[in-house]
Amino acid sequence: MGSIDRRAREKNETREKILAAARDLFVREGFEAVSMRKIAEAIEYTPAAIYTHFADKHALMLALCDADFGLLREAMGDATHHADPVERLRRCGRAYIDFGFAHPHHYRFMFMTKFPPYDPSESPCEHGNPDEDAYAFLLETVRACIDQKRFLPECRDADVVTQVCWGAVHGIVSLYLTHGDDPWVNFVRPRESAEMLYGACINGLLRMETTPAQGVSR
């Protein structure tokens, strides 16, 4: 490996170390309570060394969001290729659940940490592009279900339905991550519980198919 390649690798490793320390501190102490100096101290760097990688704490937060939400969108890749939007929706939920349990610290940062307001245009991820934006992909999938009249007539607001689906998967994942070791509660098979809740949510949105045996549709 040449010296240029080695320096590039070392720079990237340092950047990842900074991001990991910042993620940990933001989750444990909250964004507002964490300073660049505190992040530097956590990894035994000088503040000046941190500033060579990130202009300020806001830039560091954006970099973390881009990395972590990009990882989630990548995890949803299997759902992208399924022709049936209802099945895509089910697969989105399973991917989200798997992501939460596989990357608990990322999940806490992304969905259980309060961020300051920021303009989506600051992110290299294109806001509203379902190929890059995980929420946009979920919203697009819900709209496809509505357009195909797969949902009950009262479930026509795509934003509301999308947030209902998101809330269903977030509920048990976040509950387990915060209280999974609570001695008062016997948490058994949390992934199975999360998938059961999400499945019940989707099934509750769907029209019942007309069959000869039923003779009626919902």
N, C-alpha and C. Protein backbone atom coordinates (compact mmCIF):
# COMPACT_ATOMS: atom_id res chain seq x y z
N MET A 1 0.84 -1.19 0.00
CA MET A 1 0.00 0.00 0.00
C MET A 1 0.87 1.24 0.00
N GLY A 2 0.60 2.19 -0.91
CA GLY A 2 1.38 3.41 -0.98
C GLY A 2 1.05 4.35 0.14
N SER A 3 1.90 5.37 0.31
CA SER A 3 1.70 6.31 1.42
C SER A 3 0.40 7.09 1.28
N ILE A 4 0.02 7.41 0.03
CA ILE A 4 -1.23 8.14 -0.18
C ILE A 4 -2.43 7.29 0.23
N ASP A 5 -2.41 6.02 -0.18
CA ASP A 5 -3.49 5.10 0.21
C ASP A 5 -3.55 4.92 1.72
N ARG A 6 -2.39 4.81 2.33
CA ARG A 6 -2.33 4.62 3.77
C ARG A 6 -2.89 5.83 4.50
N ARG A 7 -2.52 7.04 4.04
CA ARG A 7 -3.04 8.25 4.68
C ARG A 7 -4.55 8.35 4.52
N ALA A 8 -5.04 7.98 3.34
CA ALA A 8 -6.48 8.03 3.10
C ALA A 8 -7.21 7.05 4.03
N ARG A 9 -6.64 5.86 4.20
CA ARG A 9 -7.24 4.86 5.08
C ARG A 9 -7.22 5.35 6.52
N GLU A 10 -6.11 5.92 6.95
CA GLU A 10 -6.00 6.42 8.32
C GLU A 10 -6.97 7.58 8.56
N LYS A 11 -7.12 8.43 7.56
CA LYS A 11 -8.06 9.54 7.69
C LYS A 11 -9.49 9.04 7.83
N ASN A 12 -9.82 8.03 7.05
CA ASN A 12 -11.17 7.46 7.11
C ASN A 12 -11.41 6.77 8.45
N GLU A 13 -10.39 6.06 8.95
CA GLU A 13 -10.52 5.39 10.25
C GLU A 13 -10.71 6.42 11.37
N THR A 14 -9.98 7.53 11.29
CA THR A 14 -10.14 8.58 12.29
C THR A 14 -11.54 9.18 12.23
N ARG A 15 -12.02 9.41 11.03
CA ARG A 15 -13.37 9.97 10.85
C ARG A 15 -14.42 9.03 11.45
N GLU A 16 -14.29 7.73 11.20
CA GLU A 16 -15.25 6.77 11.74
C GLU A 16 -15.17 6.71 13.27
N LYS A 17 -13.98 6.87 13.80
CA LYS A 17 -13.80 6.88 15.25
C LYS A 17 -14.50 8.09 15.87
N ILE A 18 -14.38 9.22 15.22
CA ILE A 18 -15.06 10.44 15.69
C ILE A 18 -16.57 10.26 15.64
N LEU A 19 -17.07 9.71 14.53
CA LEU A 19 -18.51 9.51 14.38
C LEU A 19 -19.04 8.55 15.45
N ALA A 20 -18.32 7.48 15.71
CA ALA A 20 -18.76 6.51 16.71
C ALA A 20 -18.81 7.14 18.10
N ALA A 21 -17.81 7.94 18.43
CA ALA A 21 -17.79 8.61 19.74
C ALA A 21 -18.93 9.62 19.84
N ALA A 22 -19.16 10.37 18.77
CA ALA A 22 -20.24 11.35 18.78
C ALA A 22 -21.59 10.67 18.91
N ARG A 23 -21.80 9.58 18.18
CA ARG A 23 -23.07 8.84 18.27
C ARG A 23 -23.32 8.40 19.70
N ASP A 24 -22.30 7.83 20.31
CA ASP A 24 -22.43 7.34 21.68
C ASP A 24 -22.78 8.47 22.64
N LEU A 25 -22.11 9.60 22.52
CA LEU A 25 -22.36 10.73 23.42
C LEU A 25 -23.72 11.36 23.17
N PHE A 26 -24.12 11.50 21.92
CA PHE A 26 -25.43 12.07 21.61
C PHE A 26 -26.54 11.22 22.20
N VAL A 27 -26.38 9.90 22.12
CA VAL A 27 -27.40 8.99 22.66
C VAL A 27 -27.44 9.07 24.18
N ARG A 28 -26.28 9.08 24.81
CA ARG A 28 -26.23 9.04 26.28
C ARG A 28 -26.55 10.38 26.94
N GLU A 29 -26.11 11.48 26.31
CA GLU A 29 -26.21 12.77 26.97
C GLU A 29 -27.11 13.78 26.27
N GLY A 30 -27.50 13.47 25.03
CA GLY A 30 -28.32 14.41 24.28
C GLY A 30 -27.46 15.34 23.45
N PHE A 31 -27.98 15.74 22.30
CA PHE A 31 -27.19 16.54 21.37
C PHE A 31 -26.71 17.84 21.99
N GLU A 32 -27.60 18.55 22.67
CA GLU A 32 -27.25 19.88 23.18
C GLU A 32 -26.17 19.83 24.25
N ALA A 33 -26.11 18.72 24.99
CA ALA A 33 -25.16 18.64 26.10
C ALA A 33 -23.75 18.26 25.66
N VAL A 34 -23.60 17.89 24.41
CA VAL A 34 -22.30 17.39 23.93
C VAL A 34 -21.59 18.48 23.15
N SER A 35 -20.33 18.69 23.47
CA SER A 35 -19.50 19.66 22.75
C SER A 35 -18.47 18.93 21.91
N MET A 36 -17.88 19.64 20.98
CA MET A 36 -16.81 19.06 20.19
C MET A 36 -15.63 18.69 21.09
N ARG A 37 -15.38 19.49 22.11
CA ARG A 37 -14.31 19.19 23.05
C ARG A 37 -14.57 17.87 23.78
N LYS A 38 -15.83 17.65 24.16
CA LYS A 38 -16.16 16.41 24.86
C LYS A 38 -15.97 15.20 23.95
N ILE A 39 -16.32 15.35 22.68
CA ILE A 39 -16.11 14.27 21.72
C ILE A 39 -14.62 13.99 21.57
N ALA A 40 -13.83 15.05 21.48
CA ALA A 40 -12.37 14.89 21.36
C ALA A 40 -11.79 14.18 22.57
N GLU A 41 -12.26 14.55 23.75
CA GLU A 41 -11.75 13.93 24.98
C GLU A 41 -12.10 12.44 25.03
N ALA A 42 -13.27 12.08 24.49
CA ALA A 42 -13.71 10.69 24.54
C ALA A 42 -12.79 9.77 23.76
N ILE A 43 -12.13 10.29 22.73
CA ILE A 43 -11.23 9.46 21.92
C ILE A 43 -9.77 9.92 22.05
N GLU A 44 -9.55 10.79 23.06
CA GLU A 44 -8.20 11.26 23.38
C GLU A 44 -7.55 11.96 22.19
N TYR A 45 -8.34 12.83 21.55
CA TYR A 45 -7.85 13.70 20.48
C TYR A 45 -7.94 15.14 20.95
N THR A 46 -7.26 16.00 20.27
CA THR A 46 -7.42 17.42 20.54
C THR A 46 -8.63 17.93 19.76
N PRO A 47 -9.31 18.96 20.25
CA PRO A 47 -10.42 19.55 19.49
C PRO A 47 -10.01 19.95 18.09
N ALA A 48 -8.78 20.44 17.95
CA ALA A 48 -8.31 20.86 16.63
C ALA A 48 -8.30 19.69 15.65
N ALA A 49 -7.97 18.51 16.14
CA ALA A 49 -7.97 17.32 15.27
C ALA A 49 -9.37 16.99 14.80
N ILE A 50 -10.37 17.19 15.66
CA ILE A 50 -11.76 16.95 15.28
C ILE A 50 -12.18 17.92 14.18
N TYR A 51 -11.76 19.17 14.32
CA TYR A 51 -12.18 20.20 13.36
C TYR A 51 -11.54 20.02 11.98
N THR A 52 -10.52 19.22 11.88
CA THR A 52 -9.97 18.95 10.54
C THR A 52 -10.89 18.03 9.75
N HIS A 53 -11.79 17.34 10.45
CA HIS A 53 -12.72 16.42 9.79
C HIS A 53 -14.13 17.00 9.69
N PHE A 54 -14.54 17.80 10.68
CA PHE A 54 -15.90 18.34 10.71
C PHE A 54 -15.85 19.80 11.14
N ALA A 55 -16.53 20.64 10.39
CA ALA A 55 -16.48 22.08 10.65
C ALA A 55 -17.05 22.44 12.02
N ASP A 56 -18.09 21.73 12.44
CA ASP A 56 -18.72 21.99 13.73
C ASP A 56 -19.60 20.80 14.11
N LYS A 57 -20.28 20.92 15.23
CA LYS A 57 -21.11 19.81 15.72
C LYS A 57 -22.28 19.54 14.79
N HIS A 58 -22.80 20.59 14.18
CA HIS A 58 -23.91 20.44 13.25
C HIS A 58 -23.48 19.59 12.05
N ALA A 59 -22.30 19.86 11.51
CA ALA A 59 -21.79 19.09 10.38
C ALA A 59 -21.56 17.63 10.78
N LEU A 60 -21.12 17.43 12.00
CA LEU A 60 -20.89 16.07 12.48
C LEU A 60 -22.22 15.32 12.58
N MET A 61 -23.26 16.00 13.09
CA MET A 61 -24.57 15.38 13.19
C MET A 61 -25.11 15.01 11.81
N LEU A 62 -24.94 15.89 10.83
CA LEU A 62 -25.40 15.59 9.48
C LEU A 62 -24.68 14.38 8.90
N ALA A 63 -23.38 14.29 9.15
CA ALA A 63 -22.61 13.14 8.66
C ALA A 63 -23.12 11.84 9.28
N LEU A 64 -23.44 11.89 10.57
CA LEU A 64 -23.98 10.71 11.24
C LEU A 64 -25.34 10.33 10.66
N CYS A 65 -26.19 11.31 10.45
CA CYS A 65 -27.51 11.04 9.87
C CYS A 65 -27.38 10.41 8.49
N ASP A 66 -26.51 10.98 7.66
CA ASP A 66 -26.32 10.45 6.31
C ASP A 66 -25.85 8.99 6.36
N ALA A 67 -24.90 8.71 7.25
CA ALA A 67 -24.36 7.36 7.33
C ALA A 67 -25.40 6.37 7.86
N ASP A 68 -26.08 6.73 8.94
CA ASP A 68 -26.97 5.78 9.60
C ASP A 68 -28.28 5.59 8.83
N PHE A 69 -28.85 6.68 8.32
CA PHE A 69 -30.08 6.53 7.55
C PHE A 69 -29.80 5.87 6.20
N GLY A 70 -28.60 6.08 5.68
CA GLY A 70 -28.21 5.38 4.46
C GLY A 70 -28.12 3.88 4.69
N LEU A 71 -27.65 3.51 5.87
CA LEU A 71 -27.56 2.09 6.22
C LEU A 71 -28.95 1.48 6.30
N LEU A 72 -29.90 2.22 6.85
CA LEU A 72 -31.27 1.73 6.92
C LEU A 72 -31.87 1.57 5.53
N ARG A 73 -31.67 2.58 4.67
CA ARG A 73 -32.22 2.48 3.31
C ARG A 73 -31.62 1.28 2.58
N GLU A 74 -30.34 1.03 2.81
CA GLU A 74 -29.69 -0.12 2.20
C GLU A 74 -30.31 -1.42 2.71
N ALA A 75 -30.65 -1.45 4.00
CA ALA A 75 -31.25 -2.65 4.59
C ALA A 75 -32.62 -2.94 4.00
N MET A 76 -33.28 -1.92 3.47
CA MET A 76 -34.60 -2.10 2.86
C MET A 76 -34.51 -2.54 1.40
N GLY A 77 -33.30 -2.76 0.90
CA GLY A 77 -33.12 -3.05 -0.51
C GLY A 77 -33.88 -4.25 -1.01
N ASP A 78 -34.04 -5.27 -0.17
CA ASP A 78 -34.74 -6.49 -0.60
C ASP A 78 -36.19 -6.20 -0.93
N ALA A 79 -36.79 -5.25 -0.23
CA ALA A 79 -38.21 -4.93 -0.45
C ALA A 79 -38.42 -4.20 -1.78
N THR A 80 -37.42 -3.53 -2.25
CA THR A 80 -37.54 -2.66 -3.42
C THR A 80 -38.02 -3.41 -4.65
N HIS A 81 -37.60 -4.65 -4.80
CA HIS A 81 -37.79 -5.35 -6.06
C HIS A 81 -39.08 -6.17 -6.12
N HIS A 82 -39.86 -6.17 -5.06
CA HIS A 82 -41.08 -6.97 -5.07
C HIS A 82 -42.21 -6.21 -5.76
N ALA A 83 -42.89 -6.88 -6.68
CA ALA A 83 -43.92 -6.20 -7.49
C ALA A 83 -45.15 -5.81 -6.67
N ASP A 84 -45.53 -6.63 -5.70
CA ASP A 84 -46.74 -6.37 -4.93
C ASP A 84 -46.44 -5.34 -3.84
N PRO A 85 -47.13 -4.17 -3.83
CA PRO A 85 -46.81 -3.14 -2.84
C PRO A 85 -47.11 -3.55 -1.41
N VAL A 86 -48.11 -4.41 -1.21
CA VAL A 86 -48.39 -4.86 0.15
C VAL A 86 -47.24 -5.72 0.67
N GLU A 87 -46.73 -6.58 -0.18
CA GLU A 87 -45.58 -7.39 0.22
C GLU A 87 -44.35 -6.51 0.43
N ARG A 88 -44.19 -5.47 -0.40
CA ARG A 88 -43.08 -4.52 -0.19
C ARG A 88 -43.21 -3.87 1.19
N LEU A 89 -44.45 -3.51 1.54
CA LEU A 89 -44.68 -2.87 2.82
C LEU A 89 -44.34 -3.81 3.97
N ARG A 90 -44.72 -5.06 3.83
CA ARG A 90 -44.40 -6.04 4.87
C ARG A 90 -42.88 -6.20 5.00
N ARG A 91 -42.22 -6.27 3.86
CA ARG A 91 -40.76 -6.47 3.88
C ARG A 91 -40.04 -5.23 4.43
N CYS A 92 -40.57 -4.06 4.15
CA CYS A 92 -40.00 -2.83 4.74
C CYS A 92 -40.01 -2.92 6.25
N GLY A 93 -41.16 -3.33 6.80
CA GLY A 93 -41.28 -3.43 8.25
C GLY A 93 -40.31 -4.44 8.84
N ARG A 94 -40.20 -5.59 8.20
CA ARG A 94 -39.27 -6.61 8.70
C ARG A 94 -37.83 -6.12 8.64
N ALA A 95 -37.49 -5.39 7.56
CA ALA A 95 -36.13 -4.84 7.44
C ALA A 95 -35.86 -3.82 8.54
N TYR A 96 -36.85 -3.00 8.83
CA TYR A 96 -36.72 -1.99 9.89
C TYR A 96 -36.51 -2.66 11.24
N ILE A 97 -37.30 -3.68 11.52
CA ILE A 97 -37.17 -4.42 12.79
C ILE A 97 -35.79 -5.06 12.89
N ASP A 98 -35.36 -5.72 11.83
CA ASP A 98 -34.04 -6.35 11.83
C ASP A 98 -32.94 -5.31 12.05
N PHE A 99 -33.09 -4.15 11.40
CA PHE A 99 -32.09 -3.10 11.55
C PHE A 99 -32.02 -2.63 13.00
N GLY A 100 -33.17 -2.42 13.62
CA GLY A 100 -33.19 -1.93 14.99
C GLY A 100 -32.50 -2.88 15.97
N PHE A 101 -32.74 -4.18 15.80
CA PHE A 101 -32.12 -5.14 16.71
C PHE A 101 -30.65 -5.39 16.37
N ALA A 102 -30.29 -5.26 15.09
CA ALA A 102 -28.90 -5.48 14.69
C ALA A 102 -28.01 -4.28 14.99
N HIS A 103 -28.60 -3.08 14.98
CA HIS A 103 -27.82 -1.85 15.19
C HIS A 103 -28.50 -0.98 16.26
N PRO A 104 -28.55 -1.46 17.49
CA PRO A 104 -29.29 -0.74 18.52
C PRO A 104 -28.78 0.67 18.79
N HIS A 105 -27.45 0.85 18.72
CA HIS A 105 -26.91 2.19 19.02
C HIS A 105 -27.24 3.15 17.89
N HIS A 106 -27.14 2.69 16.65
CA HIS A 106 -27.54 3.52 15.52
C HIS A 106 -29.02 3.89 15.64
N TYR A 107 -29.82 2.89 16.01
CA TYR A 107 -31.27 3.10 16.10
C TYR A 107 -31.60 4.15 17.17
N ARG A 108 -30.94 4.05 18.31
CA ARG A 108 -31.19 5.03 19.37
C ARG A 108 -30.84 6.44 18.90
N PHE A 109 -29.74 6.56 18.19
CA PHE A 109 -29.37 7.87 17.68
C PHE A 109 -30.38 8.38 16.66
N MET A 110 -30.80 7.52 15.74
CA MET A 110 -31.67 7.94 14.65
C MET A 110 -33.09 8.26 15.10
N PHE A 111 -33.63 7.44 16.01
CA PHE A 111 -35.06 7.52 16.31
C PHE A 111 -35.40 7.80 17.77
N MET A 112 -34.38 7.90 18.62
CA MET A 112 -34.67 8.12 20.03
C MET A 112 -33.82 9.27 20.60
N THR A 113 -33.25 10.07 19.70
CA THR A 113 -32.46 11.23 20.09
C THR A 113 -33.05 12.46 19.42
N LYS A 114 -33.23 13.52 20.16
CA LYS A 114 -33.79 14.75 19.62
C LYS A 114 -32.72 15.54 18.88
N PHE A 115 -32.95 15.81 17.60
CA PHE A 115 -32.03 16.62 16.80
C PHE A 115 -32.51 18.07 16.75
N PRO A 116 -31.59 19.00 16.59
CA PRO A 116 -32.01 20.37 16.31
C PRO A 116 -32.55 20.45 14.88
N PRO A 117 -33.42 21.43 14.59
CA PRO A 117 -33.94 21.56 13.22
C PRO A 117 -32.81 21.80 12.23
N TYR A 118 -32.97 21.21 11.03
CA TYR A 118 -32.01 21.48 9.97
C TYR A 118 -32.70 21.34 8.62
N ASP A 119 -32.11 21.95 7.63
CA ASP A 119 -32.66 21.96 6.28
C ASP A 119 -32.25 20.68 5.56
N PRO A 120 -33.21 19.90 5.03
CA PRO A 120 -32.85 18.68 4.31
C PRO A 120 -31.89 18.91 3.14
N SER A 121 -31.90 20.13 2.60
CA SER A 121 -31.00 20.41 1.48
C SER A 121 -29.53 20.37 1.89
N GLU A 122 -29.26 20.39 3.19
CA GLU A 122 -27.88 20.31 3.66
C GLU A 122 -27.32 18.89 3.53
N SER A 123 -28.20 17.91 3.36
CA SER A 123 -27.75 16.53 3.30
C SER A 123 -27.45 16.13 1.86
N PRO A 124 -26.42 15.33 1.64
CA PRO A 124 -26.17 14.80 0.29
C PRO A 124 -27.23 13.80 -0.15
N CYS A 125 -27.97 13.24 0.81
CA CYS A 125 -29.10 12.37 0.49
C CYS A 125 -30.23 13.24 -0.05
N GLU A 126 -30.81 12.85 -1.19
CA GLU A 126 -31.86 13.65 -1.81
C GLU A 126 -33.19 13.43 -1.10
N HIS A 127 -33.66 14.47 -0.43
CA HIS A 127 -34.93 14.40 0.30
C HIS A 127 -36.07 14.08 -0.66
N GLY A 128 -36.87 13.05 -0.33
CA GLY A 128 -38.01 12.69 -1.17
C GLY A 128 -37.70 11.70 -2.27
N ASN A 129 -36.43 11.35 -2.43
CA ASN A 129 -36.05 10.37 -3.44
C ASN A 129 -36.10 8.98 -2.81
N PRO A 130 -37.04 8.12 -3.20
CA PRO A 130 -37.18 6.82 -2.54
C PRO A 130 -35.97 5.91 -2.69
N ASP A 131 -35.10 6.20 -3.65
CA ASP A 131 -33.88 5.41 -3.80
C ASP A 131 -32.84 5.76 -2.73
N GLU A 132 -32.99 6.91 -2.09
CA GLU A 132 -32.02 7.36 -1.09
C GLU A 132 -32.65 7.64 0.27
N ASP A 133 -33.92 7.98 0.28
CA ASP A 133 -34.63 8.43 1.47
C ASP A 133 -35.55 7.29 1.94
N ALA A 134 -35.24 6.69 3.11
CA ALA A 134 -36.01 5.53 3.58
C ALA A 134 -37.47 5.88 3.83
N TYR A 135 -37.73 7.06 4.39
CA TYR A 135 -39.12 7.44 4.64
C TYR A 135 -39.86 7.64 3.33
N ALA A 136 -39.20 8.22 2.36
CA ALA A 136 -39.83 8.43 1.05
C ALA A 136 -40.17 7.10 0.40
N PHE A 137 -39.31 6.10 0.58
CA PHE A 137 -39.58 4.78 0.03
C PHE A 137 -40.81 4.16 0.69
N LEU A 138 -40.90 4.29 2.00
CA LEU A 138 -42.07 3.77 2.71
C LEU A 138 -43.33 4.49 2.26
N LEU A 139 -43.26 5.81 2.14
CA LEU A 139 -44.41 6.60 1.70
C LEU A 139 -44.84 6.23 0.29
N GLU A 140 -43.88 6.05 -0.59
CA GLU A 140 -44.19 5.66 -1.97
C GLU A 140 -44.88 4.29 -2.00
N THR A 141 -44.43 3.38 -1.14
CA THR A 141 -45.03 2.04 -1.09
C THR A 141 -46.47 2.11 -0.59
N VAL A 142 -46.71 2.92 0.43
CA VAL A 142 -48.07 3.09 0.94
C VAL A 142 -48.97 3.70 -0.14
N ARG A 143 -48.47 4.68 -0.86
CA ARG A 143 -49.26 5.30 -1.93
C ARG A 143 -49.64 4.28 -3.00
N ALA A 144 -48.71 3.37 -3.31
CA ALA A 144 -49.00 2.34 -4.30
C ALA A 144 -50.12 1.43 -3.80
N CYS A 145 -50.11 1.10 -2.52
CA CYS A 145 -51.19 0.29 -1.95
C CYS A 145 -52.53 1.01 -2.04
N ILE A 146 -52.52 2.30 -1.76
CA ILE A 146 -53.75 3.10 -1.83
C ILE A 146 -54.24 3.20 -3.27
N ASP A 147 -53.32 3.47 -4.19
CA ASP A 147 -53.70 3.60 -5.60
C ASP A 147 -54.30 2.31 -6.16
N GLN A 148 -53.81 1.19 -5.67
CA GLN A 148 -54.35 -0.11 -6.12
C GLN A 148 -55.58 -0.53 -5.33
N LYS A 149 -56.06 0.37 -4.44
CA LYS A 149 -57.26 0.10 -3.63
C LYS A 149 -57.10 -1.16 -2.78
N ARG A 150 -55.93 -1.34 -2.23
CA ARG A 150 -55.67 -2.50 -1.37
C ARG A 150 -56.08 -2.23 0.08
N PHE A 151 -56.21 -0.93 0.43
CA PHE A 151 -56.55 -0.57 1.79
C PHE A 151 -58.03 -0.22 1.92
N LEU A 152 -58.50 -0.22 3.15
CA LEU A 152 -59.87 0.18 3.42
C LEU A 152 -60.12 1.61 2.92
N PRO A 153 -61.36 1.93 2.54
CA PRO A 153 -61.64 3.27 2.00
C PRO A 153 -61.25 4.40 2.93
N GLU A 154 -61.35 4.19 4.23
CA GLU A 154 -61.01 5.26 5.18
C GLU A 154 -59.50 5.44 5.33
N CYS A 155 -58.72 4.53 4.79
CA CYS A 155 -57.25 4.62 4.89
C CYS A 155 -56.70 5.21 3.60
N ARG A 156 -57.03 6.46 3.33
CA ARG A 156 -56.66 7.09 2.07
C ARG A 156 -55.56 8.14 2.22
N ASP A 157 -55.28 8.54 3.43
CA ASP A 157 -54.26 9.56 3.64
C ASP A 157 -52.90 8.88 3.74
N ALA A 158 -52.08 9.03 2.71
CA ALA A 158 -50.82 8.29 2.65
C ALA A 158 -49.88 8.66 3.80
N ASP A 159 -49.85 9.93 4.17
CA ASP A 159 -48.96 10.33 5.27
C ASP A 159 -49.39 9.70 6.58
N VAL A 160 -50.69 9.71 6.85
CA VAL A 160 -51.19 9.12 8.09
C VAL A 160 -50.90 7.62 8.12
N VAL A 161 -51.21 6.92 7.04
CA VAL A 161 -50.99 5.47 7.01
C VAL A 161 -49.50 5.14 7.14
N THR A 162 -48.66 5.91 6.47
CA THR A 162 -47.21 5.69 6.57
C THR A 162 -46.74 5.83 8.02
N GLN A 163 -47.23 6.83 8.71
CA GLN A 163 -46.81 7.06 10.09
C GLN A 163 -47.40 6.03 11.05
N VAL A 164 -48.58 5.50 10.72
CA VAL A 164 -49.14 4.39 11.49
C VAL A 164 -48.24 3.16 11.37
N CYS A 165 -47.83 2.85 10.15
CA CYS A 165 -46.94 1.70 9.92
C CYS A 165 -45.61 1.89 10.63
N TRP A 166 -45.06 3.08 10.52
CA TRP A 166 -43.78 3.37 11.18
C TRP A 166 -43.93 3.24 12.69
N GLY A 167 -45.02 3.80 13.23
CA GLY A 167 -45.25 3.74 14.67
C GLY A 167 -45.37 2.31 15.17
N ALA A 168 -45.97 1.44 14.36
CA ALA A 168 -46.14 0.05 14.77
C ALA A 168 -44.80 -0.65 14.94
N VAL A 169 -43.90 -0.48 13.98
CA VAL A 169 -42.60 -1.15 14.09
C VAL A 169 -41.72 -0.47 15.14
N HIS A 170 -41.82 0.84 15.23
CA HIS A 170 -40.99 1.57 16.19
C HIS A 170 -41.36 1.21 17.62
N GLY A 171 -42.66 0.97 17.85
CA GLY A 171 -43.12 0.77 19.21
C GLY A 171 -42.40 -0.33 19.96
N ILE A 172 -42.43 -1.54 19.44
CA ILE A 172 -41.81 -2.65 20.18
C ILE A 172 -40.29 -2.59 20.11
N VAL A 173 -39.73 -2.15 18.98
CA VAL A 173 -38.27 -2.05 18.90
C VAL A 173 -37.74 -1.09 19.97
N SER A 174 -38.33 0.10 20.05
CA SER A 174 -37.86 1.08 21.03
C SER A 174 -38.16 0.63 22.46
N LEU A 175 -39.31 -0.02 22.66
CA LEU A 175 -39.64 -0.51 24.00
C LEU A 175 -38.61 -1.54 24.47
N TYR A 176 -38.22 -2.43 23.57
CA TYR A 176 -37.26 -3.45 23.94
C TYR A 176 -35.87 -2.83 24.18
N LEU A 177 -35.47 -1.88 23.34
CA LEU A 177 -34.14 -1.29 23.49
C LEU A 177 -34.02 -0.51 24.80
N THR A 178 -35.13 0.07 25.27
CA THR A 178 -35.06 0.84 26.51
C THR A 178 -35.37 0.01 27.74
N HIS A 179 -36.20 -1.03 27.60
CA HIS A 179 -36.64 -1.79 28.77
C HIS A 179 -36.42 -3.30 28.63
N GLY A 180 -35.61 -3.71 27.68
CA GLY A 180 -35.42 -5.13 27.44
C GLY A 180 -34.83 -5.89 28.61
N ASP A 181 -34.11 -5.20 29.50
CA ASP A 181 -33.53 -5.87 30.66
C ASP A 181 -34.28 -5.55 31.95
N ASP A 182 -35.51 -5.05 31.81
CA ASP A 182 -36.33 -4.71 32.98
C ASP A 182 -36.73 -6.00 33.71
N PRO A 183 -36.35 -6.14 34.99
CA PRO A 183 -36.68 -7.37 35.71
C PRO A 183 -38.17 -7.55 35.98
N TRP A 184 -38.94 -6.49 35.82
CA TRP A 184 -40.38 -6.58 36.05
C TRP A 184 -41.13 -7.14 34.85
N VAL A 185 -40.45 -7.18 33.71
CA VAL A 185 -41.11 -7.62 32.48
C VAL A 185 -40.32 -8.77 31.87
N ASN A 186 -41.00 -9.81 31.50
CA ASN A 186 -40.34 -10.94 30.86
C ASN A 186 -40.47 -10.77 29.35
N PHE A 187 -39.50 -10.06 28.75
CA PHE A 187 -39.51 -9.86 27.31
C PHE A 187 -39.07 -11.15 26.62
N VAL A 188 -39.98 -11.79 25.92
CA VAL A 188 -39.64 -13.02 25.21
C VAL A 188 -39.81 -12.80 23.72
N ARG A 189 -38.84 -13.22 22.96
CA ARG A 189 -38.88 -13.16 21.50
C ARG A 189 -39.37 -11.79 20.99
N PRO A 190 -38.62 -10.72 21.30
CA PRO A 190 -39.09 -9.38 20.91
C PRO A 190 -39.22 -9.20 19.41
N ARG A 191 -38.36 -9.85 18.63
CA ARG A 191 -38.48 -9.72 17.18
C ARG A 191 -39.81 -10.32 16.71
N GLU A 192 -40.16 -11.46 17.28
CA GLU A 192 -41.43 -12.10 16.93
C GLU A 192 -42.60 -11.21 17.32
N SER A 193 -42.52 -10.57 18.48
CA SER A 193 -43.57 -9.66 18.92
C SER A 193 -43.70 -8.47 17.99
N ALA A 194 -42.55 -7.92 17.59
CA ALA A 194 -42.57 -6.77 16.68
C ALA A 194 -43.18 -7.14 15.34
N GLU A 195 -42.82 -8.31 14.82
CA GLU A 195 -43.37 -8.73 13.53
C GLU A 195 -44.87 -9.03 13.64
N MET A 196 -45.30 -9.57 14.78
CA MET A 196 -46.72 -9.84 14.98
C MET A 196 -47.52 -8.55 15.00
N LEU A 197 -47.01 -7.53 15.72
CA LEU A 197 -47.71 -6.25 15.78
C LEU A 197 -47.78 -5.60 14.41
N TYR A 198 -46.66 -5.63 13.69
CA TYR A 198 -46.65 -5.01 12.37
C TYR A 198 -47.57 -5.75 11.41
N GLY A 199 -47.56 -7.08 11.47
CA GLY A 199 -48.46 -7.85 10.63
C GLY A 199 -49.92 -7.54 10.93
N ALA A 200 -50.25 -7.40 12.21
CA ALA A 200 -51.62 -7.06 12.59
C ALA A 200 -52.00 -5.67 12.08
N CYS A 201 -51.03 -4.75 12.11
CA CYS A 201 -51.27 -3.40 11.60
C CYS A 201 -51.58 -3.43 10.11
N ILE A 202 -50.76 -4.12 9.33
CA ILE A 202 -50.99 -4.19 7.89
C ILE A 202 -52.31 -4.88 7.58
N ASN A 203 -52.57 -5.99 8.26
CA ASN A 203 -53.81 -6.72 8.01
C ASN A 203 -55.04 -5.88 8.34
N GLY A 204 -54.91 -5.03 9.35
CA GLY A 204 -56.03 -4.17 9.73
C GLY A 204 -56.30 -3.07 8.71
N LEU A 205 -55.31 -2.75 7.89
CA LEU A 205 -55.49 -1.73 6.85
C LEU A 205 -56.13 -2.30 5.59
N LEU A 206 -55.97 -3.60 5.38
CA LEU A 206 -56.33 -4.20 4.09
C LEU A 206 -57.82 -4.44 3.94
N ARG A 207 -58.29 -4.30 2.72
CA ARG A 207 -59.63 -4.77 2.37
C ARG A 207 -59.61 -6.30 2.41
N MET A 208 -60.71 -6.89 2.80
CA MET A 208 -60.83 -8.34 2.71
C MET A 208 -61.16 -8.71 1.28
N GLU A 209 -60.45 -9.71 0.77
CA GLU A 209 -60.70 -10.16 -0.59
C GLU A 209 -62.03 -10.91 -0.67
N THR A 210 -62.79 -10.67 -1.74
CA THR A 210 -64.03 -11.41 -1.96
C THR A 210 -63.70 -12.82 -2.40
N THR A 211 -64.28 -13.79 -1.76
CA THR A 211 -64.07 -15.20 -2.15
C THR A 211 -65.44 -15.86 -2.25
N PRO A 212 -65.57 -16.94 -3.01
CA PRO A 212 -66.86 -17.63 -3.11
C PRO A 212 -67.38 -18.05 -1.74
N ALA A 213 -66.49 -18.43 -0.84
CA ALA A 213 -66.94 -18.90 0.47
C ALA A 213 -67.51 -17.74 1.29
N GLN A 214 -66.88 -16.55 1.17
CA GLN A 214 -67.32 -15.42 1.96
C GLN A 214 -68.51 -14.70 1.31
N GLY A 215 -68.39 -14.50 0.01
CA GLY A 215 -69.47 -13.85 -0.72
C GLY A 215 -69.56 -12.36 -0.49
N VAL A 216 -68.77 -11.82 0.39
CA VAL A 216 -68.82 -10.39 0.68
C VAL A 216 -67.41 -9.86 0.72
N SER A 217 -67.28 -8.58 0.56
CA SER A 217 -65.97 -7.94 0.69
C SER A 217 -66.09 -6.83 1.71
N ARG A 218 -64.96 -6.52 2.31
CA ARG A 218 -64.95 -5.47 3.33
C ARG A 218 -64.55 -4.15 2.70
